[in-house]
Amino acid sequence: MKISVIGAGGRVGSNCVLNIGKIFGKKKNENIKNIIAMIDIPQTLNSMKGMAIDIKDAIMNDVEIFASDDRSDIENSDIIVITAGKPRGPGMTREQLVFENAAIVKDIAKDIGKFSPDSKIIVVSNPMDVMTYIVYKTLYEIYRKKSNEVIGMGGVLDSMRYKKFIAEAFNCSIKEVSGAIVLGQHGEGMVPLKSTVRIKRKKLNKDDEKKLDEVIEKTINAGKTIADFGASAYFAPSVAVAKMVNAIINDTHEILPCSTLASGIYGIDGVFIGLPVRLGKNGVEEIIELKIYDEEKNKIREAGKNLKNMIENLKFLP
């Protein structure tokens, strides 16, 4: 089995390799060689070669890791993770990266179509929902790619953050929080759900739900908070990617919030947006429609409209 990370010379990409390597090495099949390809631009090649050695030393298993600046080395990948693109800086929103990263991601998608069209693809580059749409649209036009094989990472990360903030607000263990689910857009239009949250398996009362308002605000601004310190999130996003990879390679059918192509759910159609999906060996096996508050459905619909507008603005791209 082979997994390629495009953008592996960056912090998100290299940490994805580390965390994927940890779970990849647990697949005990002596007849299958497990390989991770670290792919990036030529300027990063030497540092990637060093990182490949360091990561291999850290994970201490039989996964083969190699570095390359040639995208043809993604050939025959089972999964491709795309982290390439410009990260956001202080004061920036994910949406402000759209034009620069759209061109980068479209070019990568064309190469995937040439060298590894049957791969399952996980998109991390921001603004993630729009970049996932571009990857799918490009590959559909080239190869009639199935939409369930292109998935965006956003909701898994946002839900991890939401769960942490809930535990802090209610002074309980993170393990006692369940149903911390974030849907909608990975960005300003994310929708952390109140309706699904449980603490010690108990539904929240109205007063507790009001307490969640501040938690939701923190969750929406979590990435911006990190960027405003002059840093960029890479540890947590790479863990989120590894969760998705694990669900695919081990065919767990785990339900995770991911960006997927909506086809009518909550009145949304034709955009990639965060929804609960069942992930397995084929990618998105099923989109799950949760029973949530009408207000939450409306917010998700608004996020869908915003994403459609962003996509419309990109139609001039070559």
C-alpha atoms as a PDB file:
ATOM      1  CA  MET A   1       0.000   0.000   0.000  1.00  0.00           C
ATOM      2  CA  LYS A   2       1.225   3.480  -0.858  1.00  0.00           C
ATOM      3  CA  ILE A   3       0.321   6.903   0.509  1.00  0.00           C
ATOM      4  CA  SER A   4       1.681  10.114  -1.006  1.00  0.00           C
ATOM      5  CA  VAL A   5       1.741  13.496   0.719  1.00  0.00           C
ATOM      6  CA  ILE A   6       2.021  16.431  -1.693  1.00  0.00           C
ATOM      7  CA  GLY A   7       3.383  19.394   0.237  1.00  0.00           C
ATOM      8  CA  ALA A   8       5.387  17.159   2.565  1.00  0.00           C
ATOM      9  CA  GLY A   9       8.201  19.702   2.867  1.00  0.00           C
ATOM     10  CA  GLY A  10       5.973  21.952   4.963  1.00  0.00           C
ATOM     11  CA  ARG A  11       5.030  21.587   8.595  1.00  0.00           C
ATOM     12  CA  VAL A  12       1.524  20.237   8.004  1.00  0.00           C
ATOM     13  CA  GLY A  13       2.721  17.802   5.359  1.00  0.00           C
ATOM     14  CA  SER A  14       5.717  16.492   7.298  1.00  0.00           C
ATOM     15  CA  ASN A  15       3.606  15.976  10.423  1.00  0.00           C
ATOM     16  CA  CYS A  16       1.051  14.127   8.286  1.00  0.00           C
ATOM     17  CA  VAL A  17       3.845  11.766   7.210  1.00  0.00           C
ATOM     18  CA  LEU A  18       4.798  11.232  10.862  1.00  0.00           C
ATOM     19  CA  ASN A  19       1.260  10.480  12.045  1.00  0.00           C
ATOM     20  CA  ILE A  20       0.322   8.407   8.997  1.00  0.00           C
ATOM     21  CA  GLY A  21       3.556   6.458   9.443  1.00  0.00           C
ATOM     22  CA  LYS A  22       2.573   5.572  12.998  1.00  0.00           C
ATOM     23  CA  ILE A  23      -0.781   4.056  11.987  1.00  0.00           C
ATOM     24  CA  PHE A  24       0.471   2.666   8.673  1.00  0.00           C
ATOM     25  CA  GLY A  25       3.023   0.552  10.495  1.00  0.00           C
ATOM     26  CA  LYS A  26       0.265  -1.171  12.489  1.00  0.00           C
ATOM     27  CA  LYS A  27      -1.096  -2.907   9.378  1.00  0.00           C
ATOM     28  CA  LYS A  28       0.577  -6.280   9.783  1.00  0.00           C
ATOM     29  CA  ASN A  29       0.631  -7.977   6.414  1.00  0.00           C
ATOM     30  CA  GLU A  30       3.999  -9.424   5.491  1.00  0.00           C
ATOM     31  CA  ASN A  31       2.982  -9.689   1.833  1.00  0.00           C
ATOM     32  CA  ILE A  32       2.281  -5.948   1.451  1.00  0.00           C
ATOM     33  CA  LYS A  33       5.000  -3.303   1.426  1.00  0.00           C
ATOM     34  CA  ASN A  34       3.847  -0.025   2.941  1.00  0.00           C
ATOM     35  CA  ILE A  35       5.289   3.133   1.375  1.00  0.00           C
ATOM     36  CA  ILE A  36       4.946   6.851   2.064  1.00  0.00           C
ATOM     37  CA  ALA A  37       6.068   9.245  -0.666  1.00  0.00           C
ATOM     38  CA  MET A  38       7.009  12.765   0.473  1.00  0.00           C
ATOM     39  CA  ILE A  39       6.437  15.062  -2.516  1.00  0.00           C
ATOM     40  CA  ASP A  40       7.169  18.787  -2.768  1.00  0.00           C
ATOM     41  CA  ILE A  41       8.972  21.461  -4.792  1.00  0.00           C
ATOM     42  CA  PRO A  42      12.723  21.162  -5.562  1.00  0.00           C
ATOM     43  CA  GLN A  43      13.695  23.792  -2.957  1.00  0.00           C
ATOM     44  CA  THR A  44      12.500  21.464  -0.198  1.00  0.00           C
ATOM     45  CA  LEU A  45      14.029  18.219  -1.471  1.00  0.00           C
ATOM     46  CA  ASN A  46      17.147  18.124   0.711  1.00  0.00           C
ATOM     47  CA  SER A  47      15.233  18.996   3.882  1.00  0.00           C
ATOM     48  CA  MET A  48      12.616  16.356   3.043  1.00  0.00           C
ATOM     49  CA  LYS A  49      15.342  13.723   2.667  1.00  0.00           C
ATOM     50  CA  GLY A  50      16.517  14.592   6.173  1.00  0.00           C
ATOM     51  CA  MET A  51      12.954  14.598   7.527  1.00  0.00           C
ATOM     52  CA  ALA A  52      12.289  11.174   5.967  1.00  0.00           C
ATOM     53  CA  ILE A  53      15.208   9.741   7.944  1.00  0.00           C
ATOM     54  CA  ASP A  54      14.103  11.469  11.157  1.00  0.00           C
ATOM     55  CA  ILE A  55      10.473  10.349  10.802  1.00  0.00           C
ATOM     56  CA  LYS A  56      11.548   6.767  10.136  1.00  0.00           C
ATOM     57  CA  ASP A  57      13.666   6.883  13.298  1.00  0.00           C
ATOM     58  CA  ALA A  58      10.674   8.239  15.244  1.00  0.00           C
ATOM     59  CA  ILE A  59       8.052   5.714  14.153  1.00  0.00           C
ATOM     60  CA  MET A  60      10.325   2.639  14.327  1.00  0.00           C
ATOM     61  CA  ASN A  61       8.364   0.354  12.035  1.00  0.00           C
ATOM     62  CA  ASP A  62       8.746  -1.177   8.584  1.00  0.00           C
ATOM     63  CA  VAL A  63       7.151   1.613   6.546  1.00  0.00           C
ATOM     64  CA  GLU A  64       9.370   2.808   3.686  1.00  0.00           C
ATOM     65  CA  ILE A  65       9.568   6.621   3.415  1.00  0.00           C
ATOM     66  CA  PHE A  66      11.169   8.471   0.513  1.00  0.00           C
ATOM     67  CA  ALA A  67      11.359  12.101  -0.632  1.00  0.00           C
ATOM     68  CA  SER A  68      10.954  13.414  -4.166  1.00  0.00           C
ATOM     69  CA  ASP A  69      10.415  16.641  -6.102  1.00  0.00           C
ATOM     70  CA  ASP A  70       8.898  14.717  -9.027  1.00  0.00           C
ATOM     71  CA  ARG A  71       5.110  14.352  -8.889  1.00  0.00           C
ATOM     72  CA  SER A  72       5.236  11.273 -11.111  1.00  0.00           C
ATOM     73  CA  ASP A  73       6.430   9.467  -7.971  1.00  0.00           C
ATOM     74  CA  ILE A  74       2.832   9.509  -6.712  1.00  0.00           C
ATOM     75  CA  GLU A  75       2.117   6.782  -9.272  1.00  0.00           C
ATOM     76  CA  ASN A  76      -0.098   3.947  -7.995  1.00  0.00           C
ATOM     77  CA  SER A  77      -0.842   5.657  -4.673  1.00  0.00           C
ATOM     78  CA  ASP A  78      -3.798   4.303  -2.723  1.00  0.00           C
ATOM     79  CA  ILE A  79      -4.257   7.618  -0.923  1.00  0.00           C
ATOM     80  CA  ILE A  80      -2.928  11.086  -1.740  1.00  0.00           C
ATOM     81  CA  VAL A  81      -2.931  13.852   0.863  1.00  0.00           C
ATOM     82  CA  ILE A  82      -2.666  17.415  -0.476  1.00  0.00           C
ATOM     83  CA  THR A  83      -1.226  19.942   1.977  1.00  0.00           C
ATOM     84  CA  ALA A  84       0.524  22.149  -0.596  1.00  0.00           C
ATOM     85  CA  GLY A  85      -0.228  25.853  -0.743  1.00  0.00           C
ATOM     86  CA  LYS A  86       0.353  29.084   1.041  1.00  0.00           C
ATOM     87  CA  PRO A  87      -0.445  29.100   4.780  1.00  0.00           C
ATOM     88  CA  ARG A  88      -2.344  32.018   6.228  1.00  0.00           C
ATOM     89  CA  GLY A  89      -0.580  34.697   8.190  1.00  0.00           C
ATOM     90  CA  PRO A  90      -1.619  36.964  11.084  1.00  0.00           C
ATOM     91  CA  GLY A  91      -4.962  38.670  10.493  1.00  0.00           C
ATOM     92  CA  MET A  92      -5.782  36.518   7.454  1.00  0.00           C
ATOM     93  CA  THR A  93      -8.847  34.361   6.965  1.00  0.00           C
ATOM     94  CA  ARG A  94      -8.652  31.016   5.165  1.00  0.00           C
ATOM     95  CA  GLU A  95     -10.804  32.528   2.428  1.00  0.00           C
ATOM     96  CA  GLN A  96      -8.170  35.154   1.584  1.00  0.00           C
ATOM     97  CA  LEU A  97      -5.885  32.392   0.291  1.00  0.00           C
ATOM     98  CA  VAL A  98      -8.355  31.280  -2.355  1.00  0.00           C
ATOM     99  CA  PHE A  99      -6.840  32.681  -5.555  1.00  0.00           C
ATOM    100  CA  GLU A 100      -3.205  31.770  -4.874  1.00  0.00           C
ATOM    101  CA  ASN A 101      -3.923  28.272  -3.659  1.00  0.00           C
ATOM    102  CA  ALA A 102      -6.551  27.494  -6.302  1.00  0.00           C
ATOM    103  CA  ALA A 103      -3.942  27.623  -9.073  1.00  0.00           C
ATOM    104  CA  ILE A 104      -1.525  25.427  -7.083  1.00  0.00           C
ATOM    105  CA  VAL A 105      -4.161  22.826  -6.239  1.00  0.00           C
ATOM    106  CA  LYS A 106      -5.561  22.683  -9.772  1.00  0.00           C
ATOM    107  CA  ASP A 107      -2.090  21.951 -11.139  1.00  0.00           C
ATOM    108  CA  ILE A 108      -1.640  19.173  -8.564  1.00  0.00           C
ATOM    109  CA  ALA A 109      -5.017  17.674  -9.494  1.00  0.00           C
ATOM    110  CA  LYS A 110      -3.965  17.515 -13.153  1.00  0.00           C
ATOM    111  CA  ASP A 111      -0.856  15.555 -12.171  1.00  0.00           C
ATOM    112  CA  ILE A 112      -2.933  13.194 -10.042  1.00  0.00           C
ATOM    113  CA  GLY A 113      -5.062  12.595 -13.130  1.00  0.00           C
ATOM    114  CA  LYS A 114      -1.896  11.708 -15.082  1.00  0.00           C
ATOM    115  CA  PHE A 115      -0.102   9.529 -12.570  1.00  0.00           C
ATOM    116  CA  SER A 116      -2.551   8.140  -9.992  1.00  0.00           C
ATOM    117  CA  PRO A 117      -6.176   8.758 -10.992  1.00  0.00           C
ATOM    118  CA  ASP A 118      -7.639   5.941  -8.876  1.00  0.00           C
ATOM    119  CA  SER A 119      -6.310   7.281  -5.561  1.00  0.00           C
ATOM    120  CA  LYS A 120      -8.488   8.359  -2.688  1.00  0.00           C
ATOM    121  CA  ILE A 121      -7.650  12.024  -2.106  1.00  0.00           C
ATOM    122  CA  ILE A 122      -7.668  13.998   1.153  1.00  0.00           C
ATOM    123  CA  VAL A 123      -7.414  17.772   0.721  1.00  0.00           C
ATOM    124  CA  VAL A 124      -6.008  19.943   3.513  1.00  0.00           C
ATOM    125  CA  SER A 125      -5.015  23.111   1.614  1.00  0.00           C
ATOM    126  CA  ASN A 126      -7.048  26.219   2.492  1.00  0.00           C
ATOM    127  CA  PRO A 127      -9.706  27.384   1.923  1.00  0.00           C
ATOM    128  CA  MET A 128     -10.270  23.676   2.180  1.00  0.00           C
ATOM    129  CA  ASP A 129     -13.861  23.206   0.962  1.00  0.00           C
ATOM    130  CA  VAL A 130     -13.216  25.220  -2.197  1.00  0.00           C
ATOM    131  CA  MET A 131      -9.857  23.511  -2.813  1.00  0.00           C
ATOM    132  CA  THR A 132     -11.556  20.114  -2.457  1.00  0.00           C
ATOM    133  CA  TYR A 133     -14.149  21.178  -5.031  1.00  0.00           C
ATOM    134  CA  ILE A 134     -11.374  22.268  -7.435  1.00  0.00           C
ATOM    135  CA  VAL A 135      -9.558  18.935  -7.065  1.00  0.00           C
ATOM    136  CA  TYR A 136     -12.771  17.002  -7.723  1.00  0.00           C
ATOM    137  CA  LYS A 137     -13.920  19.194 -10.619  1.00  0.00           C
ATOM    138  CA  THR A 138     -10.505  19.021 -12.310  1.00  0.00           C
ATOM    139  CA  LEU A 139     -10.303  15.240 -11.953  1.00  0.00           C
ATOM    140  CA  TYR A 140     -13.920  14.751 -13.001  1.00  0.00           C
ATOM    141  CA  GLU A 141     -13.279  16.629 -16.234  1.00  0.00           C
ATOM    142  CA  ILE A 142     -10.103  14.610 -16.932  1.00  0.00           C
ATOM    143  CA  TYR A 143     -11.064  11.208 -15.609  1.00  0.00           C
ATOM    144  CA  ARG A 144     -14.713  11.237 -14.494  1.00  0.00           C
ATOM    145  CA  LYS A 145     -13.486  10.909 -10.907  1.00  0.00           C
ATOM    146  CA  LYS A 146     -16.099   9.761  -8.382  1.00  0.00           C
ATOM    147  CA  SER A 147     -16.942  12.412  -5.783  1.00  0.00           C
ATOM    148  CA  ASN A 148     -16.775   9.936  -2.883  1.00  0.00           C
ATOM    149  CA  GLU A 149     -13.037   9.483  -3.579  1.00  0.00           C
ATOM    150  CA  VAL A 150     -12.223  13.161  -2.935  1.00  0.00           C
ATOM    151  CA  ILE A 151     -12.562  14.267   0.688  1.00  0.00           C
ATOM    152  CA  GLY A 152     -11.701  17.454   2.553  1.00  0.00           C
ATOM    153  CA  MET A 153     -10.200  17.561   6.033  1.00  0.00           C
ATOM    154  CA  GLY A 154     -11.741  20.274   8.173  1.00  0.00           C
ATOM    155  CA  GLY A 155     -14.584  19.023  10.301  1.00  0.00           C
ATOM    156  CA  VAL A 156     -12.410  16.427  12.039  1.00  0.00           C
ATOM    157  CA  LEU A 157      -9.992  19.143  13.178  1.00  0.00           C
ATOM    158  CA  ASP A 158     -12.719  21.640  14.073  1.00  0.00           C
ATOM    159  CA  SER A 159     -14.578  18.976  16.067  1.00  0.00           C
ATOM    160  CA  MET A 160     -11.414  18.110  18.007  1.00  0.00           C
ATOM    161  CA  ARG A 161     -11.076  21.779  18.961  1.00  0.00           C
ATOM    162  CA  TYR A 162     -14.781  22.066  19.830  1.00  0.00           C
ATOM    163  CA  LYS A 163     -14.559  19.029  22.121  1.00  0.00           C
ATOM    164  CA  LYS A 164     -11.549  20.508  23.941  1.00  0.00           C
ATOM    165  CA  PHE A 165     -13.256  23.875  24.478  1.00  0.00           C
ATOM    166  CA  ILE A 166     -16.438  22.184  25.769  1.00  0.00           C
ATOM    167  CA  ALA A 167     -14.430  20.211  28.321  1.00  0.00           C
ATOM    168  CA  GLU A 168     -12.718  23.408  29.473  1.00  0.00           C
ATOM    169  CA  ALA A 169     -16.004  25.348  29.757  1.00  0.00           C
ATOM    170  CA  PHE A 170     -17.792  22.620  31.711  1.00  0.00           C
ATOM    171  CA  ASN A 171     -14.755  21.621  33.789  1.00  0.00           C
ATOM    172  CA  CYS A 172     -14.913  17.983  32.775  1.00  0.00           C
ATOM    173  CA  SER A 173     -12.646  15.469  31.096  1.00  0.00           C
ATOM    174  CA  ILE A 174     -12.413  15.553  27.304  1.00  0.00           C
ATOM    175  CA  LYS A 175     -13.341  11.854  27.435  1.00  0.00           C
ATOM    176  CA  GLU A 176     -16.672  12.774  29.034  1.00  0.00           C
ATOM    177  CA  VAL A 177     -17.676  14.922  26.041  1.00  0.00           C
ATOM    178  CA  SER A 178     -19.404  13.307  23.065  1.00  0.00           C
ATOM    179  CA  GLY A 179     -21.283  14.612  20.046  1.00  0.00           C
ATOM    180  CA  ALA A 180     -18.950  17.605  19.586  1.00  0.00           C
ATOM    181  CA  ILE A 181     -19.530  17.882  15.849  1.00  0.00           C
ATOM    182  CA  VAL A 182     -18.672  20.776  13.534  1.00  0.00           C
ATOM    183  CA  LEU A 183     -20.300  20.917  10.101  1.00  0.00           C
ATOM    184  CA  GLY A 184     -20.561  23.541   7.368  1.00  0.00           C
ATOM    185  CA  GLN A 185     -17.602  25.472   6.006  1.00  0.00           C
ATOM    186  CA  HIS A 186     -14.068  25.061   7.310  1.00  0.00           C
ATOM    187  CA  GLY A 187     -13.632  28.745   8.056  1.00  0.00           C
ATOM    188  CA  GLU A 188     -15.861  31.600   9.129  1.00  0.00           C
ATOM    189  CA  GLY A 189     -18.946  29.606   8.101  1.00  0.00           C
ATOM    190  CA  MET A 190     -18.345  26.583  10.314  1.00  0.00           C
ATOM    191  CA  VAL A 191     -21.327  25.364  12.343  1.00  0.00           C
ATOM    192  CA  PRO A 192     -20.491  23.759  15.710  1.00  0.00           C
ATOM    193  CA  LEU A 193     -23.651  21.855  16.665  1.00  0.00           C
ATOM    194  CA  LYS A 194     -25.360  22.324  20.021  1.00  0.00           C
ATOM    195  CA  SER A 195     -28.025  19.709  19.366  1.00  0.00           C
ATOM    196  CA  THR A 196     -25.658  16.727  19.394  1.00  0.00           C
ATOM    197  CA  VAL A 197     -23.451  17.618  22.390  1.00  0.00           C
ATOM    198  CA  ARG A 198     -23.544  15.297  25.383  1.00  0.00           C
ATOM    199  CA  ILE A 199     -21.589  15.503  28.644  1.00  0.00           C
ATOM    200  CA  LYS A 200     -21.352  12.267  30.578  1.00  0.00           C
ATOM    201  CA  ARG A 201     -23.897  10.986  28.023  1.00  0.00           C
ATOM    202  CA  LYS A 202     -26.484  13.569  29.117  1.00  0.00           C
ATOM    203  CA  LYS A 203     -28.132  16.110  26.814  1.00  0.00           C
ATOM    204  CA  LEU A 204     -27.516  19.729  27.720  1.00  0.00           C
ATOM    205  CA  ASN A 205     -30.293  21.869  29.176  1.00  0.00           C
ATOM    206  CA  LYS A 206     -31.117  25.333  27.827  1.00  0.00           C
ATOM    207  CA  ASP A 207     -28.778  27.114  30.267  1.00  0.00           C
ATOM    208  CA  ASP A 208     -25.918  24.820  29.329  1.00  0.00           C
ATOM    209  CA  GLU A 209     -26.621  25.418  25.643  1.00  0.00           C
ATOM    210  CA  LYS A 210     -26.328  29.174  26.211  1.00  0.00           C
ATOM    211  CA  LYS A 211     -22.955  28.510  27.809  1.00  0.00           C
ATOM    212  CA  LEU A 212     -21.917  26.926  24.517  1.00  0.00           C
ATOM    213  CA  ASP A 213     -22.162  30.269  22.676  1.00  0.00           C
ATOM    214  CA  GLU A 214     -18.736  31.354  23.918  1.00  0.00           C
ATOM    215  CA  VAL A 215     -17.332  27.893  23.207  1.00  0.00           C
ATOM    216  CA  ILE A 216     -18.624  28.082  19.632  1.00  0.00           C
ATOM    217  CA  GLU A 217     -17.013  31.480  19.139  1.00  0.00           C
ATOM    218  CA  LYS A 218     -13.682  30.104  20.380  1.00  0.00           C
ATOM    219  CA  THR A 219     -13.983  27.137  18.034  1.00  0.00           C
ATOM    220  CA  ILE A 220     -14.688  29.304  14.987  1.00  0.00           C
ATOM    221  CA  ASN A 221     -11.704  31.536  15.800  1.00  0.00           C
ATOM    222  CA  ALA A 222      -9.305  28.776  16.902  1.00  0.00           C
ATOM    223  CA  GLY A 223      -7.217  28.751  13.729  1.00  0.00           C
ATOM    224  CA  LYS A 224      -7.125  32.560  13.606  1.00  0.00           C
ATOM    225  CA  THR A 225      -5.970  32.673  17.216  1.00  0.00           C
ATOM    226  CA  ILE A 226      -2.975  30.495  16.344  1.00  0.00           C
ATOM    227  CA  ALA A 227      -2.213  32.545  13.212  1.00  0.00           C
ATOM    228  CA  ASP A 228      -2.399  35.807  15.168  1.00  0.00           C
ATOM    229  CA  PHE A 229       0.473  34.566  17.327  1.00  0.00           C
ATOM    230  CA  GLY A 230       2.518  34.304  14.141  1.00  0.00           C
ATOM    231  CA  ALA A 231       2.237  30.527  14.147  1.00  0.00           C
ATOM    232  CA  SER A 232       0.314  28.081  11.992  1.00  0.00           C
ATOM    233  CA  ALA A 233      -1.567  24.950  13.019  1.00  0.00           C
ATOM    234  CA  TYR A 234       0.141  21.754  11.931  1.00  0.00           C
ATOM    235  CA  PHE A 235       0.217  19.277  14.829  1.00  0.00           C
ATOM    236  CA  ALA A 236      -3.583  18.964  15.187  1.00  0.00           C
ATOM    237  CA  PRO A 237      -4.387  19.047  11.434  1.00  0.00           C
ATOM    238  CA  SER A 238      -1.962  16.170  10.853  1.00  0.00           C
ATOM    239  CA  VAL A 239      -3.632  14.107  13.584  1.00  0.00           C
ATOM    240  CA  ALA A 240      -7.005  14.791  11.938  1.00  0.00           C
ATOM    241  CA  VAL A 241      -5.644  13.633   8.562  1.00  0.00           C
ATOM    242  CA  ALA A 242      -4.265  10.457  10.174  1.00  0.00           C
ATOM    243  CA  LYS A 243      -7.730   9.684  11.606  1.00  0.00           C
ATOM    244  CA  MET A 244      -9.185   9.887   8.101  1.00  0.00           C
ATOM    245  CA  VAL A 245      -6.391   7.782   6.613  1.00  0.00           C
ATOM    246  CA  ASN A 246      -6.902   5.163   9.328  1.00  0.00           C
ATOM    247  CA  ALA A 247     -10.626   4.950   8.523  1.00  0.00           C
ATOM    248  CA  ILE A 248      -9.837   4.368   4.849  1.00  0.00           C
ATOM    249  CA  ILE A 249      -6.935   1.900   5.077  1.00  0.00           C
ATOM    250  CA  ASN A 250      -8.557  -0.132   7.860  1.00  0.00           C
ATOM    251  CA  ASP A 251     -12.085   0.173   6.394  1.00  0.00           C
ATOM    252  CA  THR A 252     -13.466   1.173   9.803  1.00  0.00           C
ATOM    253  CA  HIS A 253     -16.711   2.789   8.537  1.00  0.00           C
ATOM    254  CA  GLU A 254     -16.174   5.408  11.221  1.00  0.00           C
ATOM    255  CA  ILE A 255     -18.459   8.447  11.066  1.00  0.00           C
ATOM    256  CA  LEU A 256     -16.390  11.626  10.785  1.00  0.00           C
ATOM    257  CA  PRO A 257     -17.285  15.191   9.768  1.00  0.00           C
ATOM    258  CA  CYS A 258     -15.560  15.762   6.406  1.00  0.00           C
ATOM    259  CA  SER A 259     -15.980  17.954   3.361  1.00  0.00           C
ATOM    260  CA  THR A 260     -17.891  16.000   0.746  1.00  0.00           C
ATOM    261  CA  LEU A 261     -20.050  16.761  -2.285  1.00  0.00           C
ATOM    262  CA  ALA A 262     -23.558  17.613  -1.094  1.00  0.00           C
ATOM    263  CA  SER A 263     -26.455  16.334  -3.189  1.00  0.00           C
ATOM    264  CA  GLY A 264     -29.565  17.736  -1.557  1.00  0.00           C
ATOM    265  CA  ILE A 265     -28.858  17.170   2.136  1.00  0.00           C
ATOM    266  CA  TYR A 266     -30.120  20.110   4.242  1.00  0.00           C
ATOM    267  CA  GLY A 267     -31.094  21.747   0.921  1.00  0.00           C
ATOM    268  CA  ILE A 268     -27.467  22.007  -0.280  1.00  0.00           C
ATOM    269  CA  ASP A 269     -26.337  20.826  -3.684  1.00  0.00           C
ATOM    270  CA  GLY A 270     -23.217  20.988  -5.835  1.00  0.00           C
ATOM    271  CA  VAL A 271     -20.620  22.144  -3.296  1.00  0.00           C
ATOM    272  CA  PHE A 272     -18.149  20.398  -1.025  1.00  0.00           C
ATOM    273  CA  ILE A 273     -19.126  21.163   2.559  1.00  0.00           C
ATOM    274  CA  GLY A 274     -18.605  19.636   5.997  1.00  0.00           C
ATOM    275  CA  LEU A 275     -21.100  16.824   6.652  1.00  0.00           C
ATOM    276  CA  PRO A 276     -21.048  13.633   8.749  1.00  0.00           C
ATOM    277  CA  VAL A 277     -19.780  10.825   6.518  1.00  0.00           C
ATOM    278  CA  ARG A 278     -19.041   7.155   6.954  1.00  0.00           C
ATOM    279  CA  LEU A 279     -15.435   6.604   5.843  1.00  0.00           C
ATOM    280  CA  GLY A 280     -14.136   3.289   4.574  1.00  0.00           C
ATOM    281  CA  LYS A 281     -11.951   1.708   1.916  1.00  0.00           C
ATOM    282  CA  ASN A 282     -13.945   3.356  -0.886  1.00  0.00           C
ATOM    283  CA  GLY A 283     -13.700   6.825   0.655  1.00  0.00           C
ATOM    284  CA  VAL A 284     -17.083   8.301   1.567  1.00  0.00           C
ATOM    285  CA  GLU A 285     -19.372   5.294   1.921  1.00  0.00           C
ATOM    286  CA  GLU A 286     -22.414   7.254   3.083  1.00  0.00           C
ATOM    287  CA  ILE A 287     -23.484  10.773   4.059  1.00  0.00           C
ATOM    288  CA  ILE A 288     -25.348  10.734   7.366  1.00  0.00           C
ATOM    289  CA  GLU A 289     -28.234  13.177   7.898  1.00  0.00           C
ATOM    290  CA  LEU A 290     -28.367  14.046  11.594  1.00  0.00           C
ATOM    291  CA  LYS A 291     -31.446  15.261  13.422  1.00  0.00           C
ATOM    292  CA  ILE A 292     -30.328  18.775  14.311  1.00  0.00           C
ATOM    293  CA  TYR A 293     -31.965  22.086  15.162  1.00  0.00           C
ATOM    294  CA  ASP A 294     -33.585  24.072  12.334  1.00  0.00           C
ATOM    295  CA  GLU A 295     -31.307  27.001  13.200  1.00  0.00           C
ATOM    296  CA  GLU A 296     -28.278  24.770  12.624  1.00  0.00           C
ATOM    297  CA  LYS A 297     -29.658  23.572   9.274  1.00  0.00           C
ATOM    298  CA  ASN A 298     -30.131  27.201   8.220  1.00  0.00           C
ATOM    299  CA  LYS A 299     -26.540  28.065   9.147  1.00  0.00           C
ATOM    300  CA  ILE A 300     -25.245  25.096   7.147  1.00  0.00           C
ATOM    301  CA  ARG A 301     -27.345  26.228   4.177  1.00  0.00           C
ATOM    302  CA  GLU A 302     -25.859  29.734   4.492  1.00  0.00           C
ATOM    303  CA  ALA A 303     -22.375  28.231   4.490  1.00  0.00           C
ATOM    304  CA  GLY A 304     -23.314  26.344   1.319  1.00  0.00           C
ATOM    305  CA  LYS A 305     -24.410  29.579  -0.372  1.00  0.00           C
ATOM    306  CA  ASN A 306     -21.161  31.267   0.635  1.00  0.00           C
ATOM    307  CA  LEU A 307     -19.132  28.408  -0.828  1.00  0.00           C
ATOM    308  CA  LYS A 308     -21.101  28.601  -4.089  1.00  0.00           C
ATOM    309  CA  ASN A 309     -20.275  32.297  -4.336  1.00  0.00           C
ATOM    310  CA  MET A 310     -16.580  31.609  -3.775  1.00  0.00           C
ATOM    311  CA  ILE A 311     -16.607  28.942  -6.491  1.00  0.00           C
ATOM    312  CA  GLU A 312     -18.371  31.321  -8.909  1.00  0.00           C
ATOM    313  CA  ASN A 313     -15.546  33.831  -8.400  1.00  0.00           C
ATOM    314  CA  LEU A 314     -12.991  31.207  -9.469  1.00  0.00           C
ATOM    315  CA  LYS A 315     -14.565  30.338 -12.827  1.00  0.00           C
ATOM    316  CA  PHE A 316     -12.047  32.431 -14.739  1.00  0.00           C
ATOM    317  CA  LEU A 317      -9.155  30.183 -13.620  1.00  0.00           C
ATOM    318  CA  PRO A 318      -7.423  28.490 -16.586  1.00  0.00           C
END
